[in-house]
Amino acid sequence: MDAMQSQNPMIADFVKLLNGAAGTFAGMTREARESARERIRETMGGMDFVSREEFDAVKAMAAKAREENLALAERLAALEAKLK
């Protein structure tokens, strides 16, 4: 029984050491992730990106303009046909 009790403090210290190392590793992982995110933000910050909503709005405007252009082309062709 004495042998088991003498080993318990060593095991407890080892467990504390492992817990400390795991906490340090988790902290380093978090720090590395945040650092990578910040570098990506800095890199992409100089680029001009549009949101999905802005892209969809411009796409809809272009489709409407295309339809109007086709309608005007048909009207013009009809008017030109009348003149001939």
N, C-alpha and C. Protein backbone atom coordinates (compact mmCIF):
# COMPACT_ATOMS: atom_id res chain seq x y z
N MET A 1 0.81 -1.18 0.00
CA MET A 1 0.00 0.00 0.00
C MET A 1 0.86 1.26 0.00
N ASP A 2 2.00 1.21 0.73
CA ASP A 2 2.89 2.36 0.77
C ASP A 2 3.47 2.68 -0.61
N ALA A 3 3.75 1.65 -1.40
CA ALA A 3 4.31 1.84 -2.74
C ALA A 3 3.31 2.57 -3.63
N MET A 4 2.03 2.24 -3.52
CA MET A 4 1.01 2.91 -4.32
C MET A 4 0.85 4.36 -3.92
N GLN A 5 0.90 4.62 -2.62
CA GLN A 5 0.74 5.98 -2.15
C GLN A 5 1.94 6.84 -2.53
N SER A 6 3.13 6.26 -2.59
CA SER A 6 4.32 7.03 -2.97
C SER A 6 4.30 7.37 -4.46
N GLN A 7 3.61 6.56 -5.28
CA GLN A 7 3.55 6.84 -6.71
C GLN A 7 2.47 7.87 -7.04
N ASN A 8 1.48 8.01 -6.24
CA ASN A 8 0.38 8.93 -6.54
C ASN A 8 0.84 10.36 -6.76
N PRO A 9 1.73 10.92 -5.96
CA PRO A 9 2.17 12.29 -6.23
C PRO A 9 2.88 12.41 -7.57
N MET A 10 3.63 11.40 -7.96
CA MET A 10 4.31 11.44 -9.26
C MET A 10 3.29 11.41 -10.39
N ILE A 11 2.30 10.54 -10.25
CA ILE A 11 1.25 10.45 -11.28
C ILE A 11 0.47 11.75 -11.33
N ALA A 12 0.15 12.31 -10.18
CA ALA A 12 -0.57 13.58 -10.13
C ALA A 12 0.23 14.68 -10.79
N ASP A 13 1.55 14.73 -10.52
CA ASP A 13 2.40 15.75 -11.16
C ASP A 13 2.46 15.54 -12.67
N PHE A 14 2.53 14.27 -13.09
CA PHE A 14 2.57 13.96 -14.52
C PHE A 14 1.27 14.39 -15.20
N VAL A 15 0.15 14.12 -14.55
CA VAL A 15 -1.15 14.52 -15.09
C VAL A 15 -1.23 16.03 -15.18
N LYS A 16 -0.74 16.73 -14.14
CA LYS A 16 -0.74 18.20 -14.18
C LYS A 16 0.12 18.71 -15.32
N LEU A 17 1.25 18.06 -15.52
CA LEU A 17 2.14 18.44 -16.62
C LEU A 17 1.45 18.25 -17.97
N LEU A 18 0.79 17.11 -18.14
CA LEU A 18 0.08 16.85 -19.40
C LEU A 18 -1.06 17.84 -19.60
N ASN A 19 -1.80 18.14 -18.54
CA ASN A 19 -2.89 19.11 -18.65
C ASN A 19 -2.36 20.49 -19.02
N GLY A 20 -1.25 20.85 -18.41
CA GLY A 20 -0.64 22.15 -18.74
C GLY A 20 -0.19 22.20 -20.19
N ALA A 21 0.42 21.10 -20.65
CA ALA A 21 0.88 21.04 -22.04
C ALA A 21 -0.31 21.09 -22.99
N ALA A 22 -1.39 20.40 -22.65
CA ALA A 22 -2.58 20.42 -23.52
C ALA A 22 -3.18 21.83 -23.57
N GLY A 23 -3.21 22.50 -22.43
CA GLY A 23 -3.72 23.88 -22.41
C GLY A 23 -2.85 24.81 -23.23
N THR A 24 -1.54 24.64 -23.11
CA THR A 24 -0.61 25.46 -23.89
C THR A 24 -0.78 25.20 -25.37
N PHE A 25 -0.90 23.94 -25.74
CA PHE A 25 -1.09 23.58 -27.14
C PHE A 25 -2.38 24.17 -27.69
N ALA A 26 -3.45 24.09 -26.89
CA ALA A 26 -4.74 24.66 -27.33
C ALA A 26 -4.61 26.17 -27.53
N GLY A 27 -3.91 26.82 -26.61
CA GLY A 27 -3.70 28.26 -26.73
C GLY A 27 -2.89 28.61 -27.97
N MET A 28 -1.84 27.83 -28.23
CA MET A 28 -1.03 28.07 -29.41
C MET A 28 -1.83 27.86 -30.68
N THR A 29 -2.69 26.83 -30.68
CA THR A 29 -3.54 26.57 -31.85
C THR A 29 -4.48 27.73 -32.10
N ARG A 30 -5.12 28.22 -31.02
CA ARG A 30 -6.02 29.37 -31.14
C ARG A 30 -5.28 30.59 -31.67
N GLU A 31 -4.09 30.83 -31.13
CA GLU A 31 -3.30 31.98 -31.55
C GLU A 31 -2.90 31.87 -33.02
N ALA A 32 -2.49 30.68 -33.44
CA ALA A 32 -2.10 30.47 -34.84
C ALA A 32 -3.29 30.68 -35.77
N ARG A 33 -4.46 30.20 -35.36
CA ARG A 33 -5.67 30.37 -36.18
C ARG A 33 -6.02 31.85 -36.33
N GLU A 34 -5.97 32.58 -35.22
CA GLU A 34 -6.29 34.02 -35.27
C GLU A 34 -5.26 34.77 -36.12
N SER A 35 -4.00 34.39 -35.99
CA SER A 35 -2.95 35.02 -36.78
C SER A 35 -3.17 34.77 -38.27
N ALA A 36 -3.52 33.56 -38.62
CA ALA A 36 -3.79 33.23 -40.03
C ALA A 36 -4.99 34.02 -40.54
N ARG A 37 -6.03 34.11 -39.74
CA ARG A 37 -7.21 34.88 -40.16
C ARG A 37 -6.86 36.34 -40.38
N GLU A 38 -6.03 36.90 -39.50
CA GLU A 38 -5.64 38.30 -39.63
C GLU A 38 -4.81 38.51 -40.89
N ARG A 39 -3.90 37.58 -41.18
CA ARG A 39 -3.10 37.70 -42.41
C ARG A 39 -3.99 37.63 -43.65
N ILE A 40 -4.99 36.76 -43.62
CA ILE A 40 -5.91 36.65 -44.77
C ILE A 40 -6.69 37.95 -44.92
N ARG A 41 -7.18 38.50 -43.79
CA ARG A 41 -7.92 39.77 -43.85
C ARG A 41 -7.05 40.88 -44.44
N GLU A 42 -5.78 40.94 -44.00
CA GLU A 42 -4.88 41.96 -44.52
C GLU A 42 -4.63 41.78 -46.01
N THR A 43 -4.43 40.54 -46.42
CA THR A 43 -4.16 40.25 -47.83
C THR A 43 -5.37 40.60 -48.69
N MET A 44 -6.55 40.21 -48.24
CA MET A 44 -7.75 40.42 -49.04
C MET A 44 -8.32 41.82 -48.86
N GLY A 45 -7.85 42.54 -47.86
CA GLY A 45 -8.37 43.88 -47.60
C GLY A 45 -8.14 44.84 -48.75
N GLY A 46 -7.04 44.67 -49.48
CA GLY A 46 -6.74 45.55 -50.58
C GLY A 46 -7.49 45.21 -51.85
N MET A 47 -8.14 44.07 -51.86
CA MET A 47 -8.89 43.65 -53.05
C MET A 47 -10.33 44.14 -52.97
N ASP A 48 -10.89 44.41 -54.12
CA ASP A 48 -12.28 44.84 -54.17
C ASP A 48 -13.18 43.64 -54.40
N PHE A 49 -13.92 43.28 -53.39
CA PHE A 49 -14.88 42.20 -53.50
C PHE A 49 -16.28 42.77 -53.31
N VAL A 50 -17.24 42.17 -53.94
CA VAL A 50 -18.63 42.60 -53.75
C VAL A 50 -19.37 41.50 -53.02
N SER A 51 -20.41 41.91 -52.34
CA SER A 51 -21.21 40.91 -51.64
C SER A 51 -22.08 40.17 -52.64
N ARG A 52 -22.62 39.06 -52.23
CA ARG A 52 -23.49 38.27 -53.09
C ARG A 52 -24.72 39.09 -53.49
N GLU A 53 -25.24 39.86 -52.53
CA GLU A 53 -26.44 40.68 -52.81
C GLU A 53 -26.13 41.71 -53.88
N GLU A 54 -24.96 42.37 -53.81
CA GLU A 54 -24.59 43.36 -54.82
C GLU A 54 -24.43 42.69 -56.19
N PHE A 55 -23.79 41.53 -56.20
CA PHE A 55 -23.60 40.81 -57.46
C PHE A 55 -24.94 40.45 -58.09
N ASP A 56 -25.85 39.92 -57.27
CA ASP A 56 -27.17 39.54 -57.79
C ASP A 56 -27.94 40.74 -58.30
N ALA A 57 -27.81 41.89 -57.61
CA ALA A 57 -28.51 43.10 -58.04
C ALA A 57 -27.99 43.57 -59.40
N VAL A 58 -26.68 43.57 -59.58
CA VAL A 58 -26.10 44.00 -60.87
C VAL A 58 -26.45 43.00 -61.97
N LYS A 59 -26.46 41.72 -61.62
CA LYS A 59 -26.83 40.69 -62.60
C LYS A 59 -28.27 40.89 -63.07
N ALA A 60 -29.17 41.21 -62.14
CA ALA A 60 -30.57 41.46 -62.50
C ALA A 60 -30.69 42.70 -63.38
N MET A 61 -29.92 43.74 -63.04
CA MET A 61 -29.96 44.97 -63.85
C MET A 61 -29.46 44.69 -65.26
N ALA A 62 -28.42 43.88 -65.40
CA ALA A 62 -27.87 43.56 -66.72
C ALA A 62 -28.89 42.76 -67.53
N ALA A 63 -29.58 41.82 -66.89
CA ALA A 63 -30.59 41.02 -67.60
C ALA A 63 -31.73 41.92 -68.07
N LYS A 64 -32.16 42.86 -67.23
CA LYS A 64 -33.24 43.78 -67.61
C LYS A 64 -32.80 44.67 -68.77
N ALA A 65 -31.56 45.16 -68.71
CA ALA A 65 -31.04 46.01 -69.79
C ALA A 65 -30.96 45.23 -71.10
N ARG A 66 -30.57 43.96 -71.02
CA ARG A 66 -30.49 43.11 -72.21
C ARG A 66 -31.88 42.94 -72.83
N GLU A 67 -32.90 42.69 -71.98
CA GLU A 67 -34.27 42.54 -72.47
C GLU A 67 -34.76 43.82 -73.13
N GLU A 68 -34.48 44.96 -72.48
CA GLU A 68 -34.90 46.24 -73.05
C GLU A 68 -34.19 46.50 -74.38
N ASN A 69 -32.92 46.12 -74.47
CA ASN A 69 -32.17 46.31 -75.70
C ASN A 69 -32.77 45.47 -76.82
N LEU A 70 -33.14 44.23 -76.53
CA LEU A 70 -33.76 43.38 -77.54
C LEU A 70 -35.10 43.96 -77.99
N ALA A 71 -35.90 44.47 -77.04
CA ALA A 71 -37.19 45.06 -77.38
C ALA A 71 -37.01 46.29 -78.27
N LEU A 72 -36.03 47.12 -77.94
CA LEU A 72 -35.77 48.31 -78.76
C LEU A 72 -35.26 47.93 -80.15
N ALA A 73 -34.45 46.88 -80.23
CA ALA A 73 -33.94 46.43 -81.53
C ALA A 73 -35.11 45.95 -82.40
N GLU A 74 -36.06 45.25 -81.80
CA GLU A 74 -37.23 44.79 -82.55
C GLU A 74 -38.08 45.98 -83.03
N ARG A 75 -38.26 46.97 -82.14
CA ARG A 75 -39.03 48.17 -82.53
C ARG A 75 -38.35 48.90 -83.67
N LEU A 76 -37.04 49.02 -83.57
CA LEU A 76 -36.28 49.72 -84.62
C LEU A 76 -36.40 48.96 -85.94
N ALA A 77 -36.29 47.64 -85.89
CA ALA A 77 -36.41 46.85 -87.12
C ALA A 77 -37.81 47.02 -87.73
N ALA A 78 -38.84 47.08 -86.89
CA ALA A 78 -40.21 47.27 -87.40
C ALA A 78 -40.36 48.65 -88.03
N LEU A 79 -39.82 49.68 -87.38
CA LEU A 79 -39.90 51.04 -87.94
C LEU A 79 -39.14 51.16 -89.25
N GLU A 80 -37.97 50.54 -89.31
CA GLU A 80 -37.19 50.56 -90.55
C GLU A 80 -37.92 49.83 -91.67
N ALA A 81 -38.61 48.74 -91.32
CA ALA A 81 -39.37 47.99 -92.33
C ALA A 81 -40.49 48.84 -92.87
N LYS A 82 -41.12 49.66 -92.03
CA LYS A 82 -42.21 50.53 -92.49
C LYS A 82 -41.69 51.60 -93.45
N LEU A 83 -40.49 52.09 -93.22
CA LEU A 83 -39.93 53.13 -94.06
C LEU A 83 -39.56 52.62 -95.44
N LYS A 84 -39.28 51.37 -95.58
CA LYS A 84 -38.87 50.81 -96.88
C LYS A 84 -40.00 50.51 -97.73
